[in-house]
N, C-alpha and C. Protein backbone atom coordinates (compact mmCIF):
# COMPACT_ATOMS: atom_id res chain seq x y z
N MET A 1 128.44 105.16 130.20
CA MET A 1 129.05 104.20 131.07
C MET A 1 130.55 104.21 130.90
N GLY A 2 131.10 105.20 130.32
CA GLY A 2 132.54 105.24 130.13
C GLY A 2 132.95 104.48 128.90
N ASP A 3 134.23 104.17 128.79
CA ASP A 3 134.70 103.48 127.60
C ASP A 3 135.43 102.19 127.95
N CYS A 4 134.95 101.49 128.95
CA CYS A 4 135.58 100.23 129.37
C CYS A 4 135.43 99.19 128.29
N LYS A 5 136.51 98.58 127.88
CA LYS A 5 136.46 97.59 126.82
C LYS A 5 136.42 96.16 127.38
N SER A 6 136.45 95.99 128.69
CA SER A 6 136.47 94.65 129.26
C SER A 6 135.09 94.13 129.62
N CYS A 7 134.05 94.87 129.33
CA CYS A 7 132.70 94.47 129.73
C CYS A 7 132.19 93.26 128.96
N ALA A 8 132.59 93.09 127.73
CA ALA A 8 132.19 91.94 126.91
C ALA A 8 130.68 91.74 126.93
N GLY A 9 129.93 92.81 126.75
CA GLY A 9 128.49 92.69 126.63
C GLY A 9 127.73 92.87 127.93
N GLY A 10 128.39 92.90 129.07
CA GLY A 10 127.71 93.10 130.33
C GLY A 10 128.48 94.12 131.14
N CYS A 11 127.84 95.21 131.48
CA CYS A 11 128.58 96.28 132.14
C CYS A 11 128.55 96.13 133.65
N GLY A 12 129.70 96.09 134.24
CA GLY A 12 129.82 95.99 135.68
C GLY A 12 130.08 97.31 136.35
N GLY A 13 130.06 98.39 135.61
CA GLY A 13 130.22 99.70 136.21
C GLY A 13 131.65 100.17 136.28
N CYS A 14 132.35 100.13 135.17
CA CYS A 14 133.71 100.64 135.11
C CYS A 14 133.70 102.11 135.52
N LYS A 15 134.80 102.58 135.98
CA LYS A 15 134.96 103.97 136.40
C LYS A 15 134.01 104.36 137.53
N LYS A 16 133.51 103.34 138.26
CA LYS A 16 132.65 103.56 139.43
C LYS A 16 131.44 104.42 139.10
N GLU A 17 130.96 104.29 137.90
CA GLU A 17 129.80 105.05 137.45
C GLU A 17 128.80 104.06 136.86
N LEU A 18 127.56 104.21 137.21
CA LEU A 18 126.53 103.32 136.70
C LEU A 18 125.38 104.17 136.20
N VAL A 19 125.03 103.99 134.95
CA VAL A 19 123.94 104.75 134.35
C VAL A 19 122.71 103.85 134.33
N LEU A 20 121.63 104.35 134.92
CA LEU A 20 120.37 103.62 134.97
C LEU A 20 119.26 104.50 134.42
N SER A 21 118.36 103.90 133.67
CA SER A 21 117.18 104.62 133.20
C SER A 21 116.17 104.69 134.34
N GLN A 22 115.15 105.52 134.18
CA GLN A 22 114.11 105.60 135.20
C GLN A 22 113.40 104.26 135.33
N GLY A 23 113.20 103.56 134.23
CA GLY A 23 112.57 102.23 134.27
C GLY A 23 113.39 101.24 135.08
N GLU A 24 114.73 101.28 134.91
CA GLU A 24 115.60 100.39 135.67
C GLU A 24 115.52 100.72 137.17
N ILE A 25 115.51 101.99 137.48
CA ILE A 25 115.40 102.41 138.89
C ILE A 25 114.06 101.96 139.46
N ASP A 26 112.99 102.14 138.70
CA ASP A 26 111.66 101.74 139.18
C ASP A 26 111.60 100.24 139.46
N LEU A 27 112.15 99.44 138.56
CA LEU A 27 112.11 97.99 138.77
C LEU A 27 113.02 97.57 139.92
N LEU A 28 114.17 98.21 140.07
CA LEU A 28 115.03 97.92 141.23
C LEU A 28 114.28 98.20 142.53
N ARG A 29 113.56 99.31 142.56
CA ARG A 29 112.81 99.64 143.78
C ARG A 29 111.70 98.63 144.04
N ALA A 30 111.03 98.17 142.99
CA ALA A 30 110.01 97.14 143.16
C ALA A 30 110.63 95.85 143.70
N LEU A 31 111.80 95.49 143.17
CA LEU A 31 112.49 94.30 143.66
C LEU A 31 112.95 94.48 145.10
N GLY A 32 113.21 95.70 145.51
CA GLY A 32 113.59 95.96 146.88
C GLY A 32 112.46 95.75 147.87
N GLN A 33 111.22 95.79 147.38
CA GLN A 33 110.06 95.59 148.25
C GLN A 33 109.69 94.12 148.40
N TYR A 34 110.11 93.29 147.46
CA TYR A 34 109.76 91.87 147.46
C TYR A 34 111.03 91.05 147.30
N SER A 35 111.03 89.86 147.82
CA SER A 35 112.20 88.99 147.65
C SER A 35 112.37 88.56 146.21
N PHE A 36 111.24 88.26 145.55
CA PHE A 36 111.25 87.80 144.17
C PHE A 36 110.09 88.43 143.43
N LEU A 37 110.25 88.61 142.14
CA LEU A 37 109.15 89.00 141.26
C LEU A 37 109.07 87.96 140.15
N PRO A 38 107.87 87.67 139.67
CA PRO A 38 107.74 86.66 138.63
C PRO A 38 108.31 87.13 137.29
N VAL A 39 108.77 86.17 136.53
CA VAL A 39 109.25 86.42 135.17
C VAL A 39 108.94 85.15 134.38
N ALA A 40 108.71 85.30 133.11
CA ALA A 40 108.42 84.15 132.26
C ALA A 40 109.06 84.38 130.90
N ARG A 41 108.97 83.37 130.06
CA ARG A 41 109.45 83.50 128.68
C ARG A 41 108.84 82.38 127.86
N LYS A 42 108.96 82.51 126.57
CA LYS A 42 108.53 81.45 125.67
C LYS A 42 109.60 80.37 125.65
N ALA A 43 109.23 79.17 125.27
CA ALA A 43 110.17 78.05 125.27
C ALA A 43 111.33 78.27 124.32
N ASP A 44 111.07 78.92 123.20
CA ASP A 44 112.09 79.09 122.16
C ASP A 44 112.67 80.50 122.12
N ASP A 45 112.42 81.30 123.15
CA ASP A 45 112.86 82.69 123.15
C ASP A 45 113.32 83.05 124.56
N MET A 46 114.52 83.56 124.70
CA MET A 46 115.08 83.88 126.02
C MET A 46 114.65 85.26 126.52
N THR A 47 113.80 85.96 125.79
CA THR A 47 113.36 87.30 126.19
C THR A 47 112.46 87.21 127.42
N PRO A 48 112.85 87.87 128.52
CA PRO A 48 112.04 87.81 129.74
C PRO A 48 110.75 88.61 129.59
N VAL A 49 109.70 88.13 130.25
CA VAL A 49 108.40 88.79 130.23
C VAL A 49 108.00 89.06 131.67
N TYR A 50 107.57 90.30 131.91
CA TYR A 50 107.12 90.72 133.24
C TYR A 50 105.78 91.43 133.06
N LEU A 51 104.74 90.92 133.72
CA LEU A 51 103.38 91.43 133.53
C LEU A 51 102.75 91.96 134.81
N GLU A 52 103.51 92.17 135.85
CA GLU A 52 102.95 92.56 137.14
C GLU A 52 102.57 94.03 137.22
N ASP A 53 103.07 94.84 136.34
CA ASP A 53 102.86 96.28 136.40
C ASP A 53 102.67 96.78 134.98
N ASP A 54 101.90 97.84 134.83
CA ASP A 54 101.70 98.39 133.49
C ASP A 54 102.30 99.79 133.32
N ALA A 55 103.25 100.13 134.18
CA ALA A 55 103.91 101.43 134.05
C ALA A 55 104.70 101.52 132.74
N TYR A 56 105.16 100.37 132.26
CA TYR A 56 105.91 100.29 131.01
C TYR A 56 105.30 99.17 130.18
N SER A 57 105.53 99.21 128.88
CA SER A 57 105.01 98.15 128.01
C SER A 57 105.76 96.85 128.26
N GLN A 58 105.20 95.76 127.77
CA GLN A 58 105.85 94.46 127.91
C GLN A 58 107.24 94.49 127.27
N ALA A 59 107.37 95.11 126.10
CA ALA A 59 108.66 95.21 125.42
C ALA A 59 109.65 96.04 126.23
N GLU A 60 109.16 97.13 126.83
CA GLU A 60 110.04 97.98 127.65
C GLU A 60 110.52 97.21 128.88
N TYR A 61 109.61 96.50 129.54
CA TYR A 61 110.02 95.72 130.71
C TYR A 61 111.03 94.64 130.32
N SER A 62 110.84 94.02 129.17
CA SER A 62 111.81 93.01 128.71
C SER A 62 113.19 93.62 128.57
N LEU A 63 113.27 94.79 127.96
CA LEU A 63 114.55 95.47 127.80
C LEU A 63 115.13 95.88 129.15
N ILE A 64 114.29 96.43 130.01
CA ILE A 64 114.75 96.85 131.35
C ILE A 64 115.36 95.67 132.10
N ILE A 65 114.68 94.54 132.08
CA ILE A 65 115.17 93.34 132.78
C ILE A 65 116.50 92.89 132.19
N GLN A 66 116.59 92.86 130.87
CA GLN A 66 117.84 92.43 130.23
C GLN A 66 118.99 93.38 130.58
N LEU A 67 118.73 94.67 130.63
CA LEU A 67 119.78 95.63 130.98
C LEU A 67 120.22 95.46 132.43
N LEU A 68 119.26 95.26 133.32
CA LEU A 68 119.60 95.05 134.73
C LEU A 68 120.41 93.76 134.91
N GLU A 69 120.07 92.75 134.13
CA GLU A 69 120.83 91.49 134.21
C GLU A 69 122.25 91.69 133.67
N GLN A 70 122.40 92.42 132.58
CA GLN A 70 123.73 92.68 132.01
C GLN A 70 124.59 93.49 132.96
N LYS A 71 123.97 94.35 133.75
CA LYS A 71 124.69 95.17 134.72
C LYS A 71 124.90 94.43 136.04
N HIS A 72 124.50 93.17 136.07
CA HIS A 72 124.67 92.31 137.25
C HIS A 72 123.92 92.83 138.47
N LEU A 73 122.74 93.41 138.22
CA LEU A 73 121.92 93.94 139.31
C LEU A 73 120.75 93.02 139.65
N VAL A 74 120.34 92.18 138.70
CA VAL A 74 119.30 91.19 138.96
C VAL A 74 119.74 89.84 138.44
N ASN A 75 119.16 88.81 139.03
CA ASN A 75 119.40 87.45 138.60
C ASN A 75 118.06 86.87 138.16
N LEU A 76 118.04 86.23 136.99
CA LEU A 76 116.84 85.56 136.50
C LEU A 76 117.00 84.06 136.72
N ASP A 77 115.97 83.45 137.26
CA ASP A 77 115.99 82.01 137.51
C ASP A 77 114.68 81.44 136.98
N TYR A 78 114.78 80.56 136.01
CA TYR A 78 113.57 79.99 135.41
C TYR A 78 113.17 78.66 136.04
N THR A 79 113.50 78.49 137.30
CA THR A 79 112.98 77.39 138.09
C THR A 79 111.69 77.89 138.71
N PRO A 80 110.56 77.24 138.45
CA PRO A 80 109.29 77.75 138.97
C PRO A 80 109.28 77.83 140.49
N LEU A 81 108.70 78.90 141.01
CA LEU A 81 108.54 79.05 142.46
C LEU A 81 107.30 78.28 142.88
N SER A 82 107.43 77.45 143.87
CA SER A 82 106.26 76.70 144.32
C SER A 82 105.28 77.67 144.98
N GLY A 83 104.02 77.51 144.64
CA GLY A 83 102.98 78.35 145.23
C GLY A 83 102.80 79.70 144.56
N ALA A 84 103.65 80.04 143.59
CA ALA A 84 103.52 81.34 142.91
C ALA A 84 102.32 81.30 141.98
N LYS A 85 101.56 82.37 141.98
CA LYS A 85 100.42 82.48 141.08
C LYS A 85 100.90 83.07 139.77
N MET A 86 100.93 82.25 138.74
CA MET A 86 101.45 82.67 137.44
C MET A 86 100.35 82.72 136.39
N GLY A 87 99.09 82.89 136.82
CA GLY A 87 97.94 82.85 135.92
C GLY A 87 98.04 83.78 134.73
N GLN A 88 98.51 84.99 134.95
CA GLN A 88 98.59 85.93 133.83
C GLN A 88 99.72 85.60 132.86
N TYR A 89 100.55 84.62 133.21
CA TYR A 89 101.65 84.20 132.36
C TYR A 89 101.32 82.89 131.62
N LYS A 90 100.04 82.55 131.53
CA LYS A 90 99.63 81.26 130.94
C LYS A 90 100.08 81.11 129.49
N ASP A 91 100.29 82.20 128.76
CA ASP A 91 100.75 82.12 127.37
C ASP A 91 102.25 81.90 127.26
N PHE A 92 102.93 81.87 128.40
CA PHE A 92 104.39 81.71 128.42
C PHE A 92 104.71 80.44 129.22
N PRO A 93 105.21 79.40 128.57
CA PRO A 93 105.38 78.10 129.24
C PRO A 93 106.53 78.02 130.24
N VAL A 94 107.47 78.92 130.17
CA VAL A 94 108.62 78.87 131.08
C VAL A 94 108.43 79.95 132.15
N HIS A 95 108.25 79.51 133.39
CA HIS A 95 108.00 80.43 134.51
C HIS A 95 109.17 80.42 135.48
N GLY A 96 109.43 81.57 136.06
CA GLY A 96 110.49 81.66 137.04
C GLY A 96 110.37 82.95 137.84
N SER A 97 111.51 83.44 138.28
CA SER A 97 111.52 84.64 139.11
C SER A 97 112.79 85.44 138.87
N MET A 98 112.73 86.68 139.31
CA MET A 98 113.92 87.52 139.30
C MET A 98 114.09 88.10 140.69
N ALA A 99 115.34 88.35 141.03
CA ALA A 99 115.68 88.89 142.35
C ALA A 99 116.91 89.77 142.22
N LEU A 100 117.08 90.64 143.19
CA LEU A 100 118.28 91.47 143.23
C LEU A 100 119.50 90.61 143.51
N THR A 101 120.59 90.94 142.87
CA THR A 101 121.88 90.35 143.24
C THR A 101 122.42 91.14 144.42
N GLU A 102 123.52 90.71 144.96
CA GLU A 102 124.15 91.48 146.05
C GLU A 102 124.50 92.88 145.55
N ARG A 103 125.03 92.94 144.34
CA ARG A 103 125.37 94.25 143.76
C ARG A 103 124.11 95.09 143.56
N GLY A 104 123.03 94.46 143.12
CA GLY A 104 121.77 95.17 142.95
C GLY A 104 121.26 95.75 144.25
N GLN A 105 121.39 94.98 145.33
CA GLN A 105 120.99 95.47 146.65
C GLN A 105 121.85 96.66 147.07
N GLN A 106 123.15 96.61 146.79
CA GLN A 106 124.03 97.73 147.13
C GLN A 106 123.66 98.98 146.33
N VAL A 107 123.38 98.80 145.05
CA VAL A 107 122.98 99.94 144.21
C VAL A 107 121.67 100.53 144.71
N LEU A 108 120.72 99.68 145.05
CA LEU A 108 119.44 100.16 145.56
C LEU A 108 119.63 100.93 146.86
N GLU A 109 120.48 100.44 147.74
CA GLU A 109 120.75 101.15 149.00
C GLU A 109 121.38 102.51 148.73
N LEU A 110 122.31 102.58 147.78
CA LEU A 110 122.91 103.87 147.42
C LEU A 110 121.87 104.82 146.83
N LEU A 111 120.98 104.31 146.01
CA LEU A 111 119.92 105.15 145.46
C LEU A 111 119.04 105.72 146.57
N GLU A 112 118.72 104.88 147.53
CA GLU A 112 117.88 105.32 148.64
C GLU A 112 118.59 106.35 149.51
N LEU A 113 119.88 106.18 149.71
CA LEU A 113 120.63 107.11 150.56
C LEU A 113 121.04 108.38 149.84
N GLN A 114 121.50 108.24 148.60
CA GLN A 114 122.08 109.38 147.91
C GLN A 114 121.23 109.92 146.77
N GLY A 115 120.23 109.17 146.35
CA GLY A 115 119.44 109.60 145.22
C GLY A 115 120.19 109.33 143.93
N ALA A 116 119.65 109.86 142.86
CA ALA A 116 120.25 109.66 141.53
C ALA A 116 120.51 111.01 140.90
N GLU A 117 121.60 111.07 140.15
CA GLU A 117 121.92 112.29 139.41
C GLU A 117 121.41 112.15 138.00
N GLU A 118 120.92 113.24 137.46
CA GLU A 118 120.46 113.21 136.07
C GLU A 118 121.51 113.75 135.15
């Protein structure tokens, strides 16, 4: 991601370059298909939990979500969505959703138009 020192823990893509893992790309594409995806967490732990897909482990999805949030590509909101079925998240008392940010939508559109370089 270059050597930008102004990121302070969250990378906004200095040098107009953004490095994404395949997991990050996969989740961005999933978010592009839906307005929101469910996310949950424990009351005493800010680690996001995503259980809708088993392509990656729960720990991997947690890391992917945190990286996408640090890159300002997704927004996490722990306000419960009315009518959302959160049955598989019953072990996690804090329910919410994640969605693409405007920047996330732009990155997704660029991925769809230009693809990704390895």
